[in-house]
């Protein structure tokens, strides 16, 4: 009994404790979020619970593993190279910066030119972390989805409020003016960012055969001015308001529908067919 090993592991968004025999065979796992002990062998119930006793903080349920969801089945059927769920916020930028770091410059005391990719990465990571934190509210999030032609969707959120194509805009300490479809950040020249965001949402809608709402998340602006409400349901929010706004959304997708769309969206082939 005492020879069983307990190993902590993070499985997707769940914190789990796995119970193994000395030879590595898994006997059970304890999911901290659901307080459920999933037994693979009912004859080992007492030994498993004895091993987990130091880690249990309250009442637990004990039984066989829960039936897999459609998303679980889709994940198991995917080749790891085709599964986009492990993508980190800003995955494409992280890879690009690793392959081609900023070049040294003699013009700056630090020796490096300011790399706009760093600011873009900060924005995507900030927004991505906020979206990932909504998992408990029924939202599934995918990051850095590649599109044919070299484009990509920063974040795709699927949950009770529907499907959202989210673009993260870095604006730390700068004034942002939104005059649909133009967006002006600080002293930079205005760019038709909302037109691009709508195009990304339209492509996502075509790929998933479901309505996708475009959303611009502006990260840490000093001021956010919107001259008129953007058309076609497009939304513009500060990153600080994102969590509250999405938590209030609901009544669009049932949990089973959200799971099915998430299973489709995480498959790389869904996007290469565009």
C-alpha atoms as a PDB file:
ATOM      1  CA  UNK A   1       0.000   0.000   0.000  1.00  0.00           C
ATOM      2  CA  UNK A   2       2.739   2.445   0.983  1.00  0.00           C
ATOM      3  CA  UNK A   3       4.650   1.753  -2.198  1.00  0.00           C
ATOM      4  CA  UNK A   4       2.113   3.557  -4.397  1.00  0.00           C
ATOM      5  CA  UNK A   5       3.409   6.849  -5.821  1.00  0.00           C
ATOM      6  CA  UNK A   6       1.400  10.073  -6.093  1.00  0.00           C
ATOM      7  CA  UNK A   7       2.432  12.443  -8.889  1.00  0.00           C
ATOM      8  CA  UNK A   8       0.983  15.953  -9.418  1.00  0.00           C
ATOM      9  CA  UNK A   9       0.211  16.819 -13.052  1.00  0.00           C
ATOM     10  CA  UNK A  10      -1.602  19.591 -14.896  1.00  0.00           C
ATOM     11  CA  UNK A  11      -3.927  18.088 -17.510  1.00  0.00           C
ATOM     12  CA  UNK A  12      -5.108  20.917 -19.814  1.00  0.00           C
ATOM     13  CA  UNK A  13      -6.857  23.242 -17.321  1.00  0.00           C
ATOM     14  CA  UNK A  14      -7.191  20.644 -14.542  1.00  0.00           C
ATOM     15  CA  UNK A  15      -4.863  20.001 -11.595  1.00  0.00           C
ATOM     16  CA  UNK A  16      -4.635  16.286 -10.996  1.00  0.00           C
ATOM     17  CA  UNK A  17      -2.828  13.837  -8.715  1.00  0.00           C
ATOM     18  CA  UNK A  18      -2.045  10.505 -10.367  1.00  0.00           C
ATOM     19  CA  UNK A  19      -1.569   7.324  -8.331  1.00  0.00           C
ATOM     20  CA  UNK A  20       0.884   4.808  -9.798  1.00  0.00           C
ATOM     21  CA  UNK A  21       2.268   1.406  -8.930  1.00  0.00           C
ATOM     22  CA  UNK A  22       6.080   1.210  -8.614  1.00  0.00           C
ATOM     23  CA  UNK A  23       6.227  -0.131 -12.198  1.00  0.00           C
ATOM     24  CA  UNK A  24       4.505   3.047 -13.454  1.00  0.00           C
ATOM     25  CA  UNK A  25       1.040   1.565 -14.001  1.00  0.00           C
ATOM     26  CA  UNK A  26      -1.654   4.182 -13.340  1.00  0.00           C
ATOM     27  CA  UNK A  27      -4.303   3.087 -10.852  1.00  0.00           C
ATOM     28  CA  UNK A  28      -6.308   6.295 -10.451  1.00  0.00           C
ATOM     29  CA  UNK A  29      -6.241  10.064 -10.516  1.00  0.00           C
ATOM     30  CA  UNK A  30      -7.711  12.753  -8.289  1.00  0.00           C
ATOM     31  CA  UNK A  31      -9.077  15.858 -10.007  1.00  0.00           C
ATOM     32  CA  UNK A  32      -8.803  18.784  -7.580  1.00  0.00           C
ATOM     33  CA  UNK A  33     -11.367  20.892  -9.475  1.00  0.00           C
ATOM     34  CA  UNK A  34     -14.141  18.302  -9.369  1.00  0.00           C
ATOM     35  CA  UNK A  35     -13.033  16.548  -6.135  1.00  0.00           C
ATOM     36  CA  UNK A  36     -13.450  13.223  -7.927  1.00  0.00           C
ATOM     37  CA  UNK A  37     -11.170  10.190  -7.678  1.00  0.00           C
ATOM     38  CA  UNK A  38     -11.285   8.240 -10.947  1.00  0.00           C
ATOM     39  CA  UNK A  39     -10.507   4.569 -10.292  1.00  0.00           C
ATOM     40  CA  UNK A  40      -9.224   2.405 -13.128  1.00  0.00           C
ATOM     41  CA  UNK A  41      -9.272  -0.703 -10.928  1.00  0.00           C
ATOM     42  CA  UNK A  42     -11.980  -0.906  -8.261  1.00  0.00           C
ATOM     43  CA  UNK A  43     -10.061  -3.579  -6.314  1.00  0.00           C
ATOM     44  CA  UNK A  44      -7.417  -0.967  -5.475  1.00  0.00           C
ATOM     45  CA  UNK A  45      -9.886   1.509  -3.944  1.00  0.00           C
ATOM     46  CA  UNK A  46      -8.598   1.360  -0.356  1.00  0.00           C
ATOM     47  CA  UNK A  47      -4.924   1.510  -1.349  1.00  0.00           C
ATOM     48  CA  UNK A  48      -5.534   4.490  -3.634  1.00  0.00           C
ATOM     49  CA  UNK A  49      -7.497   6.447  -1.043  1.00  0.00           C
ATOM     50  CA  UNK A  50      -4.860   5.707   1.582  1.00  0.00           C
ATOM     51  CA  UNK A  51      -2.150   7.119  -0.690  1.00  0.00           C
ATOM     52  CA  UNK A  52      -4.217  10.237  -1.450  1.00  0.00           C
ATOM     53  CA  UNK A  53      -5.238  10.935   2.160  1.00  0.00           C
ATOM     54  CA  UNK A  54      -2.524  13.595   2.800  1.00  0.00           C
ATOM     55  CA  UNK A  55      -3.685  15.529  -0.267  1.00  0.00           C
ATOM     56  CA  UNK A  56      -7.461  15.497   0.258  1.00  0.00           C
ATOM     57  CA  UNK A  57      -8.922  18.671   1.775  1.00  0.00           C
ATOM     58  CA  UNK A  58     -12.601  17.738   1.886  1.00  0.00           C
ATOM     59  CA  UNK A  59     -15.192  15.188   0.799  1.00  0.00           C
ATOM     60  CA  UNK A  60     -14.574  13.450  -2.523  1.00  0.00           C
ATOM     61  CA  UNK A  61     -16.520  11.218  -4.863  1.00  0.00           C
ATOM     62  CA  UNK A  62     -14.979   7.942  -5.963  1.00  0.00           C
ATOM     63  CA  UNK A  63     -15.812   5.967  -9.083  1.00  0.00           C
ATOM     64  CA  UNK A  64     -14.876   5.163 -12.654  1.00  0.00           C
ATOM     65  CA  UNK A  65     -13.549   7.948 -14.910  1.00  0.00           C
ATOM     66  CA  UNK A  66     -16.239  10.205 -16.411  1.00  0.00           C
ATOM     67  CA  UNK A  67     -17.333   9.461 -19.951  1.00  0.00           C
ATOM     68  CA  UNK A  68     -15.267  11.379 -22.512  1.00  0.00           C
ATOM     69  CA  UNK A  69     -16.828  14.507 -24.009  1.00  0.00           C
ATOM     70  CA  UNK A  70     -16.973  15.083 -27.785  1.00  0.00           C
ATOM     71  CA  UNK A  71     -13.958  17.378 -27.388  1.00  0.00           C
ATOM     72  CA  UNK A  72     -12.033  14.630 -25.574  1.00  0.00           C
ATOM     73  CA  UNK A  73     -12.806  12.146 -28.333  1.00  0.00           C
ATOM     74  CA  UNK A  74     -11.782  14.642 -31.015  1.00  0.00           C
ATOM     75  CA  UNK A  75      -8.519  15.348 -29.176  1.00  0.00           C
ATOM     76  CA  UNK A  76      -7.707  11.657 -28.949  1.00  0.00           C
ATOM     77  CA  UNK A  77      -8.328  11.279 -32.691  1.00  0.00           C
ATOM     78  CA  UNK A  78      -6.008  14.176 -33.607  1.00  0.00           C
ATOM     79  CA  UNK A  79      -2.357  13.775 -34.439  1.00  0.00           C
ATOM     80  CA  UNK A  80      -0.370  15.969 -32.002  1.00  0.00           C
ATOM     81  CA  UNK A  81       0.939  18.076 -34.896  1.00  0.00           C
ATOM     82  CA  UNK A  82      -2.638  18.892 -35.918  1.00  0.00           C
ATOM     83  CA  UNK A  83      -3.911  19.849 -32.453  1.00  0.00           C
ATOM     84  CA  UNK A  84      -3.905  23.638 -31.973  1.00  0.00           C
ATOM     85  CA  UNK A  85      -5.092  23.532 -28.350  1.00  0.00           C
ATOM     86  CA  UNK A  86      -1.538  23.531 -26.882  1.00  0.00           C
ATOM     87  CA  UNK A  87      -0.728  26.842 -28.622  1.00  0.00           C
ATOM     88  CA  UNK A  88       0.323  29.493 -26.109  1.00  0.00           C
ATOM     89  CA  UNK A  89      -0.908  33.084 -26.363  1.00  0.00           C
ATOM     90  CA  UNK A  90       1.346  34.695 -28.970  1.00  0.00           C
ATOM     91  CA  UNK A  91       2.703  31.301 -30.097  1.00  0.00           C
ATOM     92  CA  UNK A  92       3.615  32.544 -33.583  1.00  0.00           C
ATOM     93  CA  UNK A  93       5.424  35.580 -32.173  1.00  0.00           C
ATOM     94  CA  UNK A  94       7.321  33.463 -29.652  1.00  0.00           C
ATOM     95  CA  UNK A  95       8.566  31.236 -32.467  1.00  0.00           C
ATOM     96  CA  UNK A  96       9.456  34.231 -34.654  1.00  0.00           C
ATOM     97  CA  UNK A  97      11.405  35.950 -31.867  1.00  0.00           C
ATOM     98  CA  UNK A  98      13.268  32.745 -31.099  1.00  0.00           C
ATOM     99  CA  UNK A  99      14.253  32.297 -34.733  1.00  0.00           C
ATOM    100  CA  UNK A 100      15.065  35.952 -35.439  1.00  0.00           C
ATOM    101  CA  UNK A 101      15.847  37.982 -32.273  1.00  0.00           C
ATOM    102  CA  UNK A 102      16.048  41.785 -32.351  1.00  0.00           C
ATOM    103  CA  UNK A 103      19.194  43.077 -34.006  1.00  0.00           C
ATOM    104  CA  UNK A 104      21.723  45.178 -32.042  1.00  0.00           C
ATOM    105  CA  UNK A 105      21.800  48.914 -32.781  1.00  0.00           C
ATOM    106  CA  UNK A 106      24.543  51.498 -32.199  1.00  0.00           C
ATOM    107  CA  UNK A 107      21.935  54.234 -31.893  1.00  0.00           C
ATOM    108  CA  UNK A 108      20.471  53.158 -28.547  1.00  0.00           C
ATOM    109  CA  UNK A 109      22.222  52.848 -25.141  1.00  0.00           C
ATOM    110  CA  UNK A 110      20.647  49.431 -24.628  1.00  0.00           C
ATOM    111  CA  UNK A 111      22.157  48.207 -27.879  1.00  0.00           C
ATOM    112  CA  UNK A 112      18.795  47.104 -29.311  1.00  0.00           C
ATOM    113  CA  UNK A 113      16.141  48.766 -31.412  1.00  0.00           C
ATOM    114  CA  UNK A 114      12.647  48.564 -29.901  1.00  0.00           C
ATOM    115  CA  UNK A 115      11.087  45.495 -31.489  1.00  0.00           C
ATOM    116  CA  UNK A 116       7.341  45.949 -32.172  1.00  0.00           C
ATOM    117  CA  UNK A 117       6.935  42.191 -31.937  1.00  0.00           C
ATOM    118  CA  UNK A 118       7.691  42.386 -28.212  1.00  0.00           C
ATOM    119  CA  UNK A 119       4.798  44.801 -27.645  1.00  0.00           C
ATOM    120  CA  UNK A 120       2.496  42.689 -29.797  1.00  0.00           C
ATOM    121  CA  UNK A 121       3.488  39.612 -27.785  1.00  0.00           C
ATOM    122  CA  UNK A 122       2.759  41.399 -24.508  1.00  0.00           C
ATOM    123  CA  UNK A 123      -0.711  42.286 -25.791  1.00  0.00           C
ATOM    124  CA  UNK A 124      -1.503  38.745 -26.904  1.00  0.00           C
ATOM    125  CA  UNK A 125      -0.237  37.251 -23.650  1.00  0.00           C
ATOM    126  CA  UNK A 126      -2.220  39.722 -21.544  1.00  0.00           C
ATOM    127  CA  UNK A 127      -5.462  39.084 -23.413  1.00  0.00           C
ATOM    128  CA  UNK A 128      -4.788  35.347 -23.653  1.00  0.00           C
ATOM    129  CA  UNK A 129      -4.286  34.996 -19.911  1.00  0.00           C
ATOM    130  CA  UNK A 130      -7.536  36.877 -19.277  1.00  0.00           C
ATOM    131  CA  UNK A 131      -9.455  34.608 -21.641  1.00  0.00           C
ATOM    132  CA  UNK A 132      -7.900  31.423 -20.254  1.00  0.00           C
ATOM    133  CA  UNK A 133      -9.071  32.434 -16.778  1.00  0.00           C
ATOM    134  CA  UNK A 134     -12.686  32.153 -18.001  1.00  0.00           C
ATOM    135  CA  UNK A 135     -12.490  28.364 -18.331  1.00  0.00           C
ATOM    136  CA  UNK A 136     -14.523  27.994 -15.154  1.00  0.00           C
ATOM    137  CA  UNK A 137     -17.322  30.054 -16.718  1.00  0.00           C
ATOM    138  CA  UNK A 138     -17.667  27.629 -19.621  1.00  0.00           C
ATOM    139  CA  UNK A 139     -15.348  29.279 -22.152  1.00  0.00           C
ATOM    140  CA  UNK A 140     -12.903  27.375 -24.359  1.00  0.00           C
ATOM    141  CA  UNK A 141     -10.049  29.402 -25.857  1.00  0.00           C
ATOM    142  CA  UNK A 142      -7.599  28.748 -28.686  1.00  0.00           C
ATOM    143  CA  UNK A 143      -4.607  30.962 -29.395  1.00  0.00           C
ATOM    144  CA  UNK A 144      -2.591  31.958 -32.454  1.00  0.00           C
ATOM    145  CA  UNK A 145      -4.645  30.083 -35.045  1.00  0.00           C
ATOM    146  CA  UNK A 146      -2.801  29.973 -38.391  1.00  0.00           C
ATOM    147  CA  UNK A 147      -4.707  30.952 -41.536  1.00  0.00           C
ATOM    148  CA  UNK A 148      -3.689  30.344 -45.155  1.00  0.00           C
ATOM    149  CA  UNK A 149      -1.602  33.188 -46.555  1.00  0.00           C
ATOM    150  CA  UNK A 150       0.343  33.830 -43.356  1.00  0.00           C
ATOM    151  CA  UNK A 151      -2.468  35.505 -41.413  1.00  0.00           C
ATOM    152  CA  UNK A 152      -3.617  34.297 -38.013  1.00  0.00           C
ATOM    153  CA  UNK A 153      -6.334  34.784 -35.456  1.00  0.00           C
ATOM    154  CA  UNK A 154      -4.927  36.002 -32.126  1.00  0.00           C
ATOM    155  CA  UNK A 155      -7.586  34.290 -29.997  1.00  0.00           C
ATOM    156  CA  UNK A 156     -10.806  32.368 -30.611  1.00  0.00           C
ATOM    157  CA  UNK A 157     -13.142  32.172 -27.607  1.00  0.00           C
ATOM    158  CA  UNK A 158     -16.035  29.689 -27.632  1.00  0.00           C
ATOM    159  CA  UNK A 159     -18.541  29.686 -24.811  1.00  0.00           C
ATOM    160  CA  UNK A 160     -21.995  30.616 -23.519  1.00  0.00           C
ATOM    161  CA  UNK A 161     -21.851  33.982 -25.319  1.00  0.00           C
ATOM    162  CA  UNK A 162     -21.066  32.448 -28.720  1.00  0.00           C
ATOM    163  CA  UNK A 163     -17.869  32.562 -30.762  1.00  0.00           C
ATOM    164  CA  UNK A 164     -15.527  35.540 -30.542  1.00  0.00           C
ATOM    165  CA  UNK A 165     -12.590  36.317 -32.827  1.00  0.00           C
ATOM    166  CA  UNK A 166     -10.381  38.437 -30.557  1.00  0.00           C
ATOM    167  CA  UNK A 167      -7.568  40.699 -31.767  1.00  0.00           C
ATOM    168  CA  UNK A 168      -5.182  42.100 -29.126  1.00  0.00           C
ATOM    169  CA  UNK A 169      -3.843  45.642 -29.640  1.00  0.00           C
ATOM    170  CA  UNK A 170      -0.918  46.939 -27.571  1.00  0.00           C
ATOM    171  CA  UNK A 171      -1.547  50.550 -26.468  1.00  0.00           C
ATOM    172  CA  UNK A 172       0.235  50.930 -23.125  1.00  0.00           C
ATOM    173  CA  UNK A 173      -0.182  54.537 -21.958  1.00  0.00           C
ATOM    174  CA  UNK A 174      -1.366  55.696 -25.383  1.00  0.00           C
ATOM    175  CA  UNK A 175      -4.603  57.241 -26.639  1.00  0.00           C
ATOM    176  CA  UNK A 176      -6.558  55.010 -28.985  1.00  0.00           C
ATOM    177  CA  UNK A 177      -9.125  56.468 -31.369  1.00  0.00           C
ATOM    178  CA  UNK A 178     -11.580  54.141 -33.099  1.00  0.00           C
ATOM    179  CA  UNK A 179     -13.372  55.541 -36.141  1.00  0.00           C
ATOM    180  CA  UNK A 180     -14.729  52.474 -37.916  1.00  0.00           C
ATOM    181  CA  UNK A 181     -12.870  50.947 -39.743  1.00  0.00           C
ATOM    182  CA  UNK A 182      -9.819  53.039 -38.788  1.00  0.00           C
ATOM    183  CA  UNK A 183      -7.895  52.709 -35.519  1.00  0.00           C
ATOM    184  CA  UNK A 184      -5.278  55.238 -34.420  1.00  0.00           C
ATOM    185  CA  UNK A 185      -2.835  54.307 -31.643  1.00  0.00           C
ATOM    186  CA  UNK A 186      -0.807  57.153 -30.145  1.00  0.00           C
ATOM    187  CA  UNK A 187       0.959  59.143 -32.856  1.00  0.00           C
ATOM    188  CA  UNK A 188       0.946  56.366 -35.400  1.00  0.00           C
ATOM    189  CA  UNK A 189      -0.864  56.645 -38.682  1.00  0.00           C
ATOM    190  CA  UNK A 190      -4.451  55.385 -38.646  1.00  0.00           C
ATOM    191  CA  UNK A 191      -4.881  51.841 -39.971  1.00  0.00           C
ATOM    192  CA  UNK A 192      -8.040  49.939 -41.086  1.00  0.00           C
ATOM    193  CA  UNK A 193      -7.653  47.415 -38.283  1.00  0.00           C
ATOM    194  CA  UNK A 194     -11.389  46.764 -37.907  1.00  0.00           C
ATOM    195  CA  UNK A 195     -11.611  45.787 -41.573  1.00  0.00           C
ATOM    196  CA  UNK A 196      -8.918  43.169 -41.017  1.00  0.00           C
ATOM    197  CA  UNK A 197     -10.606  41.942 -37.836  1.00  0.00           C
ATOM    198  CA  UNK A 198     -13.922  41.537 -39.642  1.00  0.00           C
ATOM    199  CA  UNK A 199     -12.179  39.579 -42.395  1.00  0.00           C
ATOM    200  CA  UNK A 200     -10.640  37.221 -39.822  1.00  0.00           C
ATOM    201  CA  UNK A 201     -14.018  36.707 -38.135  1.00  0.00           C
ATOM    202  CA  UNK A 202     -15.637  36.063 -41.511  1.00  0.00           C
ATOM    203  CA  UNK A 203     -13.044  33.397 -42.341  1.00  0.00           C
ATOM    204  CA  UNK A 204     -13.564  31.784 -38.938  1.00  0.00           C
ATOM    205  CA  UNK A 205     -17.322  31.818 -39.484  1.00  0.00           C
ATOM    206  CA  UNK A 206     -16.892  30.109 -42.857  1.00  0.00           C
ATOM    207  CA  UNK A 207     -14.537  27.467 -41.419  1.00  0.00           C
ATOM    208  CA  UNK A 208     -16.785  26.636 -38.458  1.00  0.00           C
ATOM    209  CA  UNK A 209     -20.137  27.200 -40.205  1.00  0.00           C
ATOM    210  CA  UNK A 210     -21.245  29.337 -37.264  1.00  0.00           C
ATOM    211  CA  UNK A 211     -21.546  33.053 -36.562  1.00  0.00           C
ATOM    212  CA  UNK A 212     -18.320  34.539 -35.192  1.00  0.00           C
ATOM    213  CA  UNK A 213     -18.280  38.009 -33.608  1.00  0.00           C
ATOM    214  CA  UNK A 214     -15.151  40.159 -34.002  1.00  0.00           C
ATOM    215  CA  UNK A 215     -13.776  41.789 -30.842  1.00  0.00           C
ATOM    216  CA  UNK A 216     -10.885  44.233 -30.483  1.00  0.00           C
ATOM    217  CA  UNK A 217      -9.191  44.066 -27.060  1.00  0.00           C
ATOM    218  CA  UNK A 218      -7.122  47.216 -26.404  1.00  0.00           C
ATOM    219  CA  UNK A 219      -4.389  46.594 -23.834  1.00  0.00           C
ATOM    220  CA  UNK A 220      -3.689  49.302 -21.230  1.00  0.00           C
ATOM    221  CA  UNK A 221      -4.600  52.474 -23.180  1.00  0.00           C
ATOM    222  CA  UNK A 222      -4.472  55.852 -21.447  1.00  0.00           C
ATOM    223  CA  UNK A 223      -7.724  56.735 -23.250  1.00  0.00           C
ATOM    224  CA  UNK A 224     -10.046  54.798 -25.515  1.00  0.00           C
ATOM    225  CA  UNK A 225     -12.276  56.938 -27.727  1.00  0.00           C
ATOM    226  CA  UNK A 226     -14.895  55.441 -30.031  1.00  0.00           C
ATOM    227  CA  UNK A 227     -16.500  57.977 -32.370  1.00  0.00           C
ATOM    228  CA  UNK A 228     -19.534  55.750 -33.050  1.00  0.00           C
ATOM    229  CA  UNK A 229     -20.585  52.221 -32.214  1.00  0.00           C
ATOM    230  CA  UNK A 230     -18.914  49.898 -34.739  1.00  0.00           C
ATOM    231  CA  UNK A 231     -21.316  48.238 -37.153  1.00  0.00           C
ATOM    232  CA  UNK A 232     -22.127  44.539 -37.542  1.00  0.00           C
ATOM    233  CA  UNK A 233     -21.880  43.794 -33.829  1.00  0.00           C
ATOM    234  CA  UNK A 234     -18.114  44.305 -33.624  1.00  0.00           C
ATOM    235  CA  UNK A 235     -17.052  45.127 -30.079  1.00  0.00           C
ATOM    236  CA  UNK A 236     -14.151  47.193 -28.764  1.00  0.00           C
ATOM    237  CA  UNK A 237     -13.100  46.698 -25.125  1.00  0.00           C
ATOM    238  CA  UNK A 238     -10.218  47.499 -22.827  1.00  0.00           C
ATOM    239  CA  UNK A 239      -8.416  44.382 -21.663  1.00  0.00           C
ATOM    240  CA  UNK A 240      -9.414  45.233 -18.080  1.00  0.00           C
ATOM    241  CA  UNK A 241     -13.118  45.039 -19.066  1.00  0.00           C
ATOM    242  CA  UNK A 242     -12.843  41.834 -21.071  1.00  0.00           C
ATOM    243  CA  UNK A 243     -13.447  39.314 -18.300  1.00  0.00           C
ATOM    244  CA  UNK A 244     -16.536  41.057 -16.936  1.00  0.00           C
ATOM    245  CA  UNK A 245     -18.033  41.564 -20.384  1.00  0.00           C
ATOM    246  CA  UNK A 246     -17.653  37.914 -21.403  1.00  0.00           C
ATOM    247  CA  UNK A 247     -18.880  36.613 -18.064  1.00  0.00           C
ATOM    248  CA  UNK A 248     -22.137  38.520 -18.606  1.00  0.00           C
ATOM    249  CA  UNK A 249     -22.657  37.042 -22.073  1.00  0.00           C
ATOM    250  CA  UNK A 250     -24.825  33.952 -22.322  1.00  0.00           C
ATOM    251  CA  UNK A 251     -27.773  32.252 -23.904  1.00  0.00           C
ATOM    252  CA  UNK A 252     -26.114  31.712 -27.295  1.00  0.00           C
ATOM    253  CA  UNK A 253     -24.407  28.308 -27.112  1.00  0.00           C
ATOM    254  CA  UNK A 254     -25.281  25.258 -25.059  1.00  0.00           C
ATOM    255  CA  UNK A 255     -22.307  23.487 -23.415  1.00  0.00           C
ATOM    256  CA  UNK A 256     -22.523  20.558 -25.852  1.00  0.00           C
ATOM    257  CA  UNK A 257     -22.534  22.900 -28.848  1.00  0.00           C
ATOM    258  CA  UNK A 258     -19.550  24.812 -27.480  1.00  0.00           C
ATOM    259  CA  UNK A 259     -17.665  21.528 -26.979  1.00  0.00           C
ATOM    260  CA  UNK A 260     -18.373  20.435 -30.559  1.00  0.00           C
ATOM    261  CA  UNK A 261     -17.243  23.756 -32.043  1.00  0.00           C
ATOM    262  CA  UNK A 262     -14.119  23.700 -29.893  1.00  0.00           C
ATOM    263  CA  UNK A 263     -13.313  20.187 -31.108  1.00  0.00           C
ATOM    264  CA  UNK A 264     -13.635  21.384 -34.704  1.00  0.00           C
ATOM    265  CA  UNK A 265     -11.641  24.592 -34.157  1.00  0.00           C
ATOM    266  CA  UNK A 266      -8.652  22.891 -32.535  1.00  0.00           C
ATOM    267  CA  UNK A 267      -8.049  20.763 -35.657  1.00  0.00           C
ATOM    268  CA  UNK A 268      -5.444  22.441 -37.905  1.00  0.00           C
ATOM    269  CA  UNK A 269      -7.172  21.038 -40.992  1.00  0.00           C
ATOM    270  CA  UNK A 270     -10.271  23.123 -40.230  1.00  0.00           C
ATOM    271  CA  UNK A 271      -8.242  26.234 -41.094  1.00  0.00           C
ATOM    272  CA  UNK A 272      -6.099  24.925 -43.951  1.00  0.00           C
ATOM    273  CA  UNK A 273      -9.239  24.308 -46.038  1.00  0.00           C
ATOM    274  CA  UNK A 274     -10.050  28.040 -46.183  1.00  0.00           C
END
